[in-house]
Amino acid sequence: MQWFKRSWRNILGIMVGLLAIGLVWLLTTDNVTIWPIRNTLRYQFDQWRTDSQMPSQPIADRSIVGCITNAQQQPIVGAIVAVSERNGRLHRAISDRQGCYRLGNVPANQYRLLVTAPSYRDDLIDVDVQQAQTEQHAQLLPAIAPSYAPVEKLVLGPSNVVSRTTPYPTQALRQQVQVWSDNGEQQLTLLYRPITATQPLPLMLAVYPGPANEWESVSIPLAERGYSVLAVGPAYSLDLETDIADLKRLLALARGGSFVGVDGSHIAIMAGSYSSLHVLRLLQDDVGFTGVVLLGPISDLFAMRESFVAGTFMPPFGLDQALIALGYPDEEIQRYASYSAQLHPRADLPPILLMHSRNDEVVPASQSEFLAEQWRGLGVEVESYFFDGMSHYLRAVEPSPELDELYRITLDFLARVN
């Protein structure tokens, strides 16, 4: 009997230990299946707990100062240093010629300080801001190009003639491209080419905010005007890196001559809305494009979170749930910053065409205005256009003067950069 009691206590102790280990894992893991659920549950609990309380406005009277250097102790000029408040309000500064910065008007709190600069790895530092001035230096290490699994299998389907009557009568050849890696088959990928093409043509990698076959009103007209168009549409997900790896595999295939009729030495890339997150993130690693076309891009997730918390913006398409799932920006600043292009400017970007509707109901045009000026300040060649009509996607199914202008601007830009 005594043996049984000891055995039972041992088993119970093991079970409690395993449960504790499991709980710690659930609370700390970066597993992309777990952390969105964890953050959402925490948000819902916090909302319930503070439902009847009005949040107090912290006094923003503290500052963080320091200098940013590389491994050789040389100053890094132009590094961006940032912290975020819980509501998404971002405080940022840029290091000067001595590599030094000053973040002012910061409320007292505990933060994760983000330091980012082109060609260097991002650095995250826990900072407890209580004194009037907190000193925090950082040393950045050289960036390491993210690796991705190679292509294991490529299948090109037969070519078929496809046509559209809206917004204009157009037709092109369409071919399905099937790519497999260690994660299985990639998302639906379609290759469009002019029917009368006799030589390799410049490629447009069109990354759409939805399935590629639902955007033929864009792909087919571009192909008819003399371009190969490789169309993809990443599914809505919080695991963007998997889809970005898919894009890198497609680019490797195109540059390696795997697609007949495609000039892999002349590749432009296009994205809008949700898919702009993928392309702007891709540009942090790869600037080898003749040009970039962005339509209604998202470049500041912090501002979207701040507007959502303030109640001045109710994101459609379930974007509010995505913002909640990302976690609190003061604790999870990296999740927001990785896909906020305003925190990752670089001077070696290819020419960029940026178009945005002032009636955009999802992404304020002010984000693109800021981004365009930021790039121009670095010497990047930027064409920016803001339309008074149309909507978030700058997409229309009926002919209109603004649609004519959008196509003309895009084709003129592509002709110039290619």
Protein backbone atom coordinates (compact mmCIF):
# COMPACT_ATOMS: atom_id res chain seq x y z
CA MET A 1 0.00 0.00 0.00
CA GLN A 2 2.85 2.36 0.89
CA TRP A 3 4.50 1.58 -2.43
CA PHE A 4 1.26 2.44 -4.26
CA LYS A 5 1.01 5.83 -2.51
CA ARG A 6 4.61 6.65 -3.39
CA SER A 7 4.08 5.61 -7.01
CA TRP A 8 0.90 7.67 -7.23
CA ARG A 9 2.66 10.74 -5.82
CA ASN A 10 5.50 10.27 -8.29
CA ILE A 11 3.08 9.97 -11.20
CA LEU A 12 1.14 13.02 -10.01
CA GLY A 13 4.38 14.97 -9.68
CA ILE A 14 5.42 14.03 -13.20
CA MET A 15 2.00 15.05 -14.56
CA VAL A 16 2.13 18.40 -12.77
CA GLY A 17 5.66 18.95 -14.09
CA LEU A 18 4.63 18.15 -17.65
CA LEU A 19 1.61 20.45 -17.36
CA ALA A 20 3.86 23.24 -16.08
CA ILE A 21 6.30 22.73 -18.96
CA GLY A 22 3.41 22.72 -21.42
CA LEU A 23 1.98 25.92 -19.93
CA VAL A 24 5.35 27.68 -20.11
CA TRP A 25 5.68 26.60 -23.75
CA LEU A 26 2.20 27.90 -24.60
CA LEU A 27 2.97 31.22 -22.93
CA THR A 28 6.35 31.74 -24.59
CA THR A 29 6.46 29.86 -27.90
CA ASP A 30 6.89 31.64 -31.23
CA ASN A 31 4.94 28.89 -32.99
CA VAL A 32 2.80 30.72 -35.56
CA THR A 33 -0.19 28.53 -34.72
CA ILE A 34 -0.03 29.34 -31.01
CA TRP A 35 1.01 32.96 -30.51
CA PRO A 36 -1.92 34.54 -32.42
CA ILE A 37 -4.38 32.59 -30.23
CA ARG A 38 -2.44 33.51 -27.09
CA ASN A 39 -2.41 37.21 -27.99
CA THR A 40 -6.11 37.22 -28.89
CA LEU A 41 -7.12 35.53 -25.62
CA ARG A 42 -5.02 37.97 -23.64
CA TYR A 43 -6.53 40.94 -25.46
CA GLN A 44 -10.07 39.69 -24.79
CA PHE A 45 -9.25 39.17 -21.11
CA ASP A 46 -7.73 42.65 -20.82
CA GLN A 47 -10.78 44.17 -22.52
CA TRP A 48 -13.09 42.40 -20.06
CA ARG A 49 -10.94 43.39 -17.08
CA THR A 50 -10.79 47.09 -18.01
CA ASP A 51 -14.23 47.39 -19.60
CA SER A 52 -15.50 49.95 -17.09
CA GLN A 53 -12.22 51.83 -16.70
CA MET A 54 -11.03 54.72 -18.81
CA PRO A 55 -7.32 54.33 -19.57
CA SER A 56 -5.23 57.16 -18.16
CA GLN A 57 -3.04 59.19 -20.47
CA PRO A 58 0.62 58.77 -19.46
CA ILE A 59 2.80 61.85 -19.19
CA ALA A 60 5.28 61.80 -22.07
CA ASP A 61 8.22 63.57 -20.45
CA ARG A 62 11.05 61.03 -20.59
CA SER A 63 13.81 60.54 -23.16
CA ILE A 64 16.10 57.77 -24.36
CA VAL A 65 19.54 58.65 -25.72
CA GLY A 66 22.48 56.67 -27.01
CA CYS A 67 24.74 55.88 -29.94
CA ILE A 68 24.65 53.11 -32.55
CA THR A 69 27.87 51.50 -33.74
CA ASN A 70 28.95 48.50 -35.79
CA ALA A 71 31.21 45.64 -34.71
CA GLN A 72 34.27 47.83 -35.42
CA GLN A 73 32.92 50.53 -33.06
CA GLN A 74 32.28 52.85 -36.01
CA PRO A 75 29.15 55.02 -35.88
CA ILE A 76 26.16 53.96 -37.97
CA VAL A 77 24.53 56.98 -39.59
CA GLY A 78 20.82 56.87 -40.40
CA ALA A 79 19.87 53.99 -38.11
CA ILE A 80 16.25 54.10 -36.96
CA VAL A 81 15.62 53.71 -33.23
CA ALA A 82 12.05 53.22 -32.06
CA VAL A 83 9.81 52.23 -29.18
CA SER A 84 6.06 51.78 -29.22
CA GLU A 85 3.46 52.51 -26.59
CA ARG A 86 0.85 49.86 -25.88
CA ASN A 87 -1.71 51.56 -28.11
CA GLY A 88 0.67 51.57 -31.10
CA ARG A 89 1.92 55.14 -30.84
CA LEU A 90 5.44 54.98 -32.21
CA HIS A 91 8.38 57.09 -31.07
CA ARG A 92 11.27 57.07 -33.52
CA ALA A 93 14.58 58.81 -34.05
CA ILE A 94 17.37 58.64 -36.62
CA SER A 95 21.04 58.43 -35.66
CA ASP A 96 23.14 61.44 -36.67
CA ARG A 97 26.65 61.70 -38.14
CA GLN A 98 28.12 60.50 -34.85
CA GLY A 99 25.70 57.59 -34.79
CA CYS A 100 23.82 59.10 -31.85
CA TYR A 101 20.09 59.54 -31.33
CA ARG A 102 17.58 61.03 -28.94
CA LEU A 103 14.05 59.71 -28.46
CA GLY A 104 12.06 62.45 -26.73
CA ASN A 105 8.58 62.77 -25.22
CA VAL A 106 8.40 59.11 -24.18
CA PRO A 107 6.11 58.05 -21.29
CA ALA A 108 7.68 56.19 -18.37
CA ASN A 109 7.33 52.47 -19.04
CA GLN A 110 9.18 49.30 -19.93
CA TYR A 111 9.86 49.03 -23.66
CA ARG A 112 11.50 46.89 -26.26
CA LEU A 113 13.82 49.27 -28.09
CA LEU A 114 14.15 48.47 -31.80
CA VAL A 115 17.28 49.47 -33.70
CA THR A 116 17.35 48.92 -37.45
CA ALA A 117 19.64 49.95 -40.30
CA PRO A 118 20.17 48.71 -43.88
CA SER A 119 22.72 45.88 -44.18
CA TYR A 120 22.56 45.19 -40.44
CA ARG A 121 20.53 42.83 -38.31
CA ASP A 122 17.72 44.40 -36.29
CA ASP A 123 18.46 44.61 -32.58
CA LEU A 124 15.92 44.46 -29.74
CA ILE A 125 16.85 45.76 -26.29
CA ASP A 126 14.70 45.75 -23.15
CA VAL A 127 14.69 49.26 -21.71
CA ASP A 128 13.15 50.42 -18.43
CA VAL A 129 12.39 54.12 -18.84
CA GLN A 130 11.79 55.67 -15.41
CA GLN A 131 14.37 58.44 -15.09
CA ALA A 132 14.10 61.73 -16.94
CA GLN A 133 16.75 60.44 -19.33
CA THR A 134 17.73 56.83 -20.01
CA GLU A 135 20.96 56.01 -21.82
CA GLN A 136 20.98 53.01 -24.14
CA HIS A 137 23.64 52.23 -26.73
CA ALA A 138 23.52 49.48 -29.34
CA GLN A 139 25.96 47.60 -31.53
CA LEU A 140 24.60 46.14 -34.76
CA LEU A 141 25.93 43.06 -36.51
CA PRO A 142 26.00 42.51 -40.29
CA ALA A 143 22.78 41.19 -41.78
CA ILE A 144 22.46 37.53 -42.69
CA ALA A 145 20.36 36.82 -45.78
CA PRO A 146 17.37 34.67 -44.74
CA SER A 147 17.60 31.18 -46.19
CA TYR A 148 14.76 29.38 -47.94
CA ALA A 149 14.27 25.82 -49.12
CA PRO A 150 15.12 25.24 -52.80
CA VAL A 151 12.66 24.17 -55.47
CA GLU A 152 12.17 20.40 -55.46
CA LYS A 153 9.87 20.14 -58.46
CA LEU A 154 8.59 22.41 -61.26
CA VAL A 155 5.70 21.57 -63.61
CA LEU A 156 4.55 23.91 -66.38
CA GLY A 157 1.04 23.26 -67.65
CA PRO A 158 -0.24 23.72 -71.22
CA SER A 159 -0.81 27.21 -72.60
CA ASN A 160 -4.38 28.34 -73.25
CA VAL A 161 -5.84 31.54 -74.69
CA VAL A 162 -7.79 33.53 -72.10
CA SER A 163 -9.65 36.79 -72.58
CA ARG A 164 -11.43 39.52 -70.66
CA THR A 165 -14.09 41.92 -71.79
CA THR A 166 -13.95 44.22 -68.75
CA PRO A 167 -12.66 46.75 -68.23
CA TYR A 168 -11.30 46.38 -71.80
CA PRO A 169 -11.37 43.57 -74.38
CA THR A 170 -8.00 41.82 -74.02
CA GLN A 171 -6.52 38.37 -74.45
CA ALA A 172 -3.30 36.51 -73.64
CA LEU A 173 -1.78 33.07 -73.23
CA ARG A 174 -2.12 31.60 -69.73
CA GLN A 175 -0.08 28.76 -68.27
CA GLN A 176 -0.23 27.28 -64.77
CA VAL A 177 3.07 27.05 -62.92
CA GLN A 178 3.30 24.42 -60.19
CA VAL A 179 6.22 24.62 -57.76
CA TRP A 180 7.02 22.24 -54.92
CA SER A 181 9.42 22.74 -52.01
CA ASP A 182 9.86 20.93 -48.72
CA ASN A 183 6.58 22.53 -47.57
CA GLY A 184 4.65 21.00 -50.45
CA GLU A 185 3.08 22.76 -53.43
CA GLN A 186 3.13 26.54 -53.46
CA GLN A 187 0.12 28.79 -53.94
CA LEU A 188 -1.67 29.06 -57.29
CA THR A 189 0.75 30.63 -59.78
CA LEU A 190 -0.18 31.66 -63.33
CA LEU A 191 2.07 32.82 -66.17
CA TYR A 192 0.62 35.14 -68.83
CA ARG A 193 2.28 36.05 -72.14
CA PRO A 194 1.23 37.89 -75.30
CA ILE A 195 -0.26 35.61 -77.95
CA THR A 196 2.07 36.97 -80.63
CA ALA A 197 5.31 37.01 -78.59
CA THR A 198 8.36 35.84 -80.55
CA GLN A 199 11.15 36.71 -78.10
CA PRO A 200 11.70 36.74 -74.32
CA LEU A 201 9.88 39.62 -72.67
CA PRO A 202 10.44 41.57 -69.44
CA LEU A 203 8.69 39.95 -66.49
CA MET A 204 6.19 41.50 -64.12
CA LEU A 205 5.92 39.51 -60.88
CA ALA A 206 2.39 40.48 -59.86
CA VAL A 207 1.72 39.74 -56.19
CA TYR A 208 -2.01 40.22 -55.71
CA PRO A 209 -4.04 40.60 -52.48
CA GLY A 210 -6.08 37.53 -53.39
CA PRO A 211 -6.04 34.47 -55.68
CA ALA A 212 -4.17 35.12 -58.93
CA ASN A 213 -7.06 33.96 -61.12
CA GLU A 214 -9.31 36.66 -59.64
CA TRP A 215 -7.05 39.43 -60.94
CA GLU A 216 -6.99 38.63 -64.65
CA SER A 217 -8.43 42.08 -65.36
CA VAL A 218 -4.92 43.30 -64.51
CA SER A 219 -2.71 40.42 -65.68
CA ILE A 220 -4.16 39.97 -69.17
CA PRO A 221 -3.97 43.66 -70.22
CA LEU A 222 -0.36 43.82 -69.00
CA ALA A 223 0.52 40.72 -71.01
CA GLU A 224 -1.19 42.05 -74.12
CA ARG A 225 0.94 45.19 -73.86
CA GLY A 226 4.16 43.20 -74.18
CA TYR A 227 5.03 41.75 -70.79
CA SER A 228 5.28 38.31 -69.28
CA VAL A 229 3.24 38.33 -66.09
CA LEU A 230 3.87 35.83 -63.30
CA ALA A 231 0.84 36.15 -61.04
CA VAL A 232 0.52 34.94 -57.45
CA GLY A 233 -1.83 35.76 -54.58
CA PRO A 234 -0.71 34.89 -51.05
CA ALA A 235 -3.49 33.65 -48.80
CA TYR A 236 -4.38 35.80 -45.79
CA SER A 237 -2.17 34.58 -42.97
CA LEU A 238 0.00 35.77 -40.10
CA ASP A 239 2.85 33.63 -41.43
CA LEU A 240 4.03 35.94 -44.20
CA GLU A 241 7.56 34.58 -44.25
CA THR A 242 6.41 31.29 -45.81
CA ASP A 243 4.81 33.17 -48.72
CA ILE A 244 7.84 35.45 -49.05
CA ALA A 245 9.99 32.32 -49.41
CA ASP A 246 7.63 31.24 -52.21
CA LEU A 247 8.30 34.55 -53.98
CA LYS A 248 12.05 34.05 -53.63
CA ARG A 249 11.78 30.61 -55.24
CA LEU A 250 9.79 32.02 -58.16
CA LEU A 251 12.38 34.75 -58.62
CA ALA A 252 15.20 32.20 -58.60
CA LEU A 253 13.39 30.20 -61.29
CA ALA A 254 12.76 33.28 -63.44
CA ARG A 255 16.33 34.55 -63.12
CA GLY A 256 17.62 31.07 -63.88
CA GLY A 257 15.75 30.84 -67.19
CA SER A 258 13.13 28.25 -66.18
CA PHE A 259 10.24 30.03 -67.95
CA VAL A 260 10.09 30.09 -71.75
CA GLY A 261 9.43 33.56 -73.14
CA VAL A 262 10.59 35.33 -69.98
CA ASP A 263 13.59 37.65 -69.80
CA GLY A 264 14.79 36.92 -66.28
CA SER A 265 17.27 39.79 -66.37
CA HIS A 266 14.44 42.35 -66.46
CA ILE A 267 11.99 41.77 -63.62
CA ALA A 268 9.62 44.34 -62.15
CA ILE A 269 7.37 43.58 -59.18
CA MET A 270 3.88 44.81 -58.33
CA ALA A 271 1.71 44.58 -55.22
CA GLY A 272 -1.16 46.31 -53.47
CA SER A 273 -3.00 46.31 -50.17
CA TYR A 274 -2.28 43.14 -48.18
CA SER A 275 0.29 41.81 -50.66
CA SER A 276 2.32 45.02 -50.33
CA LEU A 277 3.38 43.69 -46.92
CA HIS A 278 5.08 40.78 -48.69
CA VAL A 279 6.78 42.87 -51.36
CA LEU A 280 7.96 45.64 -49.05
CA ARG A 281 9.36 42.97 -46.73
CA LEU A 282 11.00 41.24 -49.73
CA LEU A 283 12.70 44.52 -50.67
CA GLN A 284 14.58 44.40 -47.36
CA ASP A 285 16.43 41.35 -48.76
CA ASP A 286 16.29 41.75 -52.55
CA VAL A 287 16.46 44.99 -54.55
CA GLY A 288 17.29 43.33 -57.87
CA PHE A 289 14.28 44.64 -59.78
CA THR A 290 14.00 47.06 -62.68
CA GLY A 291 11.07 48.72 -60.94
CA VAL A 292 8.43 48.39 -58.22
CA VAL A 293 4.73 49.22 -58.59
CA LEU A 294 2.77 49.72 -55.36
CA LEU A 295 -0.97 50.37 -55.17
CA GLY A 296 -2.46 51.40 -51.82
CA PRO A 297 0.43 49.86 -49.85
CA ILE A 298 0.46 49.28 -46.09
CA SER A 299 3.65 50.75 -44.67
CA ASP A 300 2.85 51.53 -41.01
CA LEU A 301 1.12 48.86 -38.91
CA PHE A 302 1.71 50.92 -35.77
CA ALA A 303 -0.46 53.77 -37.06
CA MET A 304 -3.21 51.31 -37.97
CA ARG A 305 -3.10 49.81 -34.46
CA GLU A 306 -3.18 53.26 -32.85
CA SER A 307 -6.21 54.32 -34.92
CA PHE A 308 -7.94 51.02 -34.13
CA VAL A 309 -7.38 51.44 -30.38
CA ALA A 310 -8.59 55.05 -30.54
CA GLY A 311 -11.80 53.92 -32.25
CA THR A 312 -11.22 56.12 -35.30
CA PHE A 313 -10.63 53.17 -37.61
CA MET A 314 -12.52 49.89 -37.86
CA PRO A 315 -10.51 47.68 -40.20
CA PRO A 316 -12.51 45.65 -42.73
CA PHE A 317 -11.77 42.13 -44.01
CA GLY A 318 -10.95 40.88 -40.50
CA LEU A 319 -7.86 43.12 -40.29
CA ASP A 320 -8.88 44.08 -36.75
CA GLN A 321 -8.48 40.45 -35.69
CA ALA A 322 -5.05 40.35 -37.33
CA LEU A 323 -3.95 43.48 -35.44
CA ILE A 324 -5.15 41.93 -32.17
CA ALA A 325 -3.41 38.63 -32.93
CA LEU A 326 -0.09 40.43 -33.48
CA GLY A 327 -0.03 41.30 -29.78
CA TYR A 328 0.66 44.55 -27.97
CA PRO A 329 3.12 46.72 -29.93
CA ASP A 330 5.14 47.73 -26.87
CA GLU A 331 5.93 44.06 -26.24
CA GLU A 332 5.85 42.71 -29.81
CA ILE A 333 7.40 45.64 -31.64
CA GLN A 334 9.30 43.33 -34.00
CA ARG A 335 6.12 41.72 -35.36
CA TYR A 336 4.82 45.15 -36.37
CA ALA A 337 8.16 46.58 -37.45
CA SER A 338 9.11 43.74 -39.82
CA TYR A 339 6.17 44.68 -42.05
CA SER A 340 6.23 48.45 -41.54
CA ALA A 341 8.35 49.68 -44.44
CA GLN A 342 8.69 53.14 -42.91
CA LEU A 343 11.11 51.59 -40.40
CA HIS A 344 13.22 49.96 -43.11
CA PRO A 345 14.11 52.64 -45.68
CA ARG A 346 17.14 52.09 -47.89
CA ALA A 347 18.82 54.20 -50.52
CA ASP A 348 19.53 51.42 -53.03
CA LEU A 349 15.93 50.65 -53.94
CA PRO A 350 15.01 50.44 -57.64
CA PRO A 351 12.68 53.04 -59.20
CA ILE A 352 9.27 52.98 -57.53
CA LEU A 353 5.79 53.85 -58.79
CA LEU A 354 3.45 54.51 -55.86
CA MET A 355 -0.29 55.04 -56.41
CA HIS A 356 -2.95 55.54 -53.75
CA SER A 357 -6.59 56.60 -53.59
CA ARG A 358 -7.44 59.49 -51.31
CA ASN A 359 -10.76 57.70 -50.75
CA ASP A 360 -8.96 54.61 -49.45
CA GLU A 361 -11.13 53.18 -46.68
CA VAL A 362 -8.46 50.77 -45.40
CA VAL A 363 -5.01 52.37 -45.67
CA PRO A 364 -4.82 56.18 -45.33
CA ALA A 365 -3.12 57.87 -48.27
CA SER A 366 -0.98 59.70 -45.71
CA GLN A 367 1.03 56.47 -45.26
CA SER A 368 2.09 56.58 -48.91
CA GLU A 369 2.76 60.33 -48.75
CA PHE A 370 5.15 59.77 -45.85
CA LEU A 371 6.78 56.77 -47.53
CA ALA A 372 7.33 58.62 -50.81
CA GLU A 373 8.99 61.58 -49.08
CA GLN A 374 11.10 59.27 -46.94
CA TRP A 375 12.41 57.45 -50.03
CA ARG A 376 13.01 60.68 -51.94
CA GLY A 377 15.02 61.98 -49.01
CA LEU A 378 17.36 59.02 -49.49
CA GLY A 379 17.68 59.63 -53.22
CA VAL A 380 15.34 56.85 -54.35
CA GLU A 381 13.58 57.53 -57.66
CA VAL A 382 9.87 57.70 -56.77
CA GLU A 383 6.81 58.57 -58.84
CA SER A 384 3.74 59.07 -56.64
CA TYR A 385 0.15 59.63 -57.74
CA PHE A 386 -2.92 60.14 -55.58
CA PHE A 387 -6.37 59.61 -57.07
CA ASP A 388 -9.50 61.36 -55.82
CA GLY A 389 -11.75 58.54 -57.00
CA MET A 390 -11.68 54.73 -57.02
CA SER A 391 -11.20 52.78 -53.78
CA HIS A 392 -8.67 50.86 -51.72
CA TYR A 393 -7.68 48.36 -54.41
CA LEU A 394 -7.57 50.98 -57.21
CA ARG A 395 -9.48 48.34 -59.12
CA ALA A 396 -12.45 48.89 -61.42
CA VAL A 397 -14.55 46.69 -63.67
CA GLU A 398 -15.88 49.51 -65.83
CA PRO A 399 -13.91 51.92 -68.04
CA SER A 400 -13.30 55.33 -66.49
CA PRO A 401 -10.94 58.27 -67.00
CA GLU A 402 -9.12 57.45 -63.76
CA LEU A 403 -8.70 53.81 -64.76
CA ASP A 404 -7.31 54.96 -68.12
CA GLU A 405 -4.88 57.20 -66.26
CA LEU A 406 -3.82 54.40 -63.90
CA TYR A 407 -3.02 52.06 -66.80
CA ARG A 408 -1.23 54.81 -68.72
CA ILE A 409 0.93 55.73 -65.72
CA THR A 410 1.79 52.09 -65.05
CA LEU A 411 2.67 51.27 -68.66
CA ASP A 412 4.73 54.45 -69.07
CA PHE A 413 6.67 53.60 -65.90
CA LEU A 414 7.31 50.01 -66.99
CA ALA A 415 8.41 51.11 -70.45
CA ARG A 416 10.89 53.53 -68.92
CA VAL A 417 12.44 51.19 -66.33
CA ASN A 418 12.61 48.18 -68.67
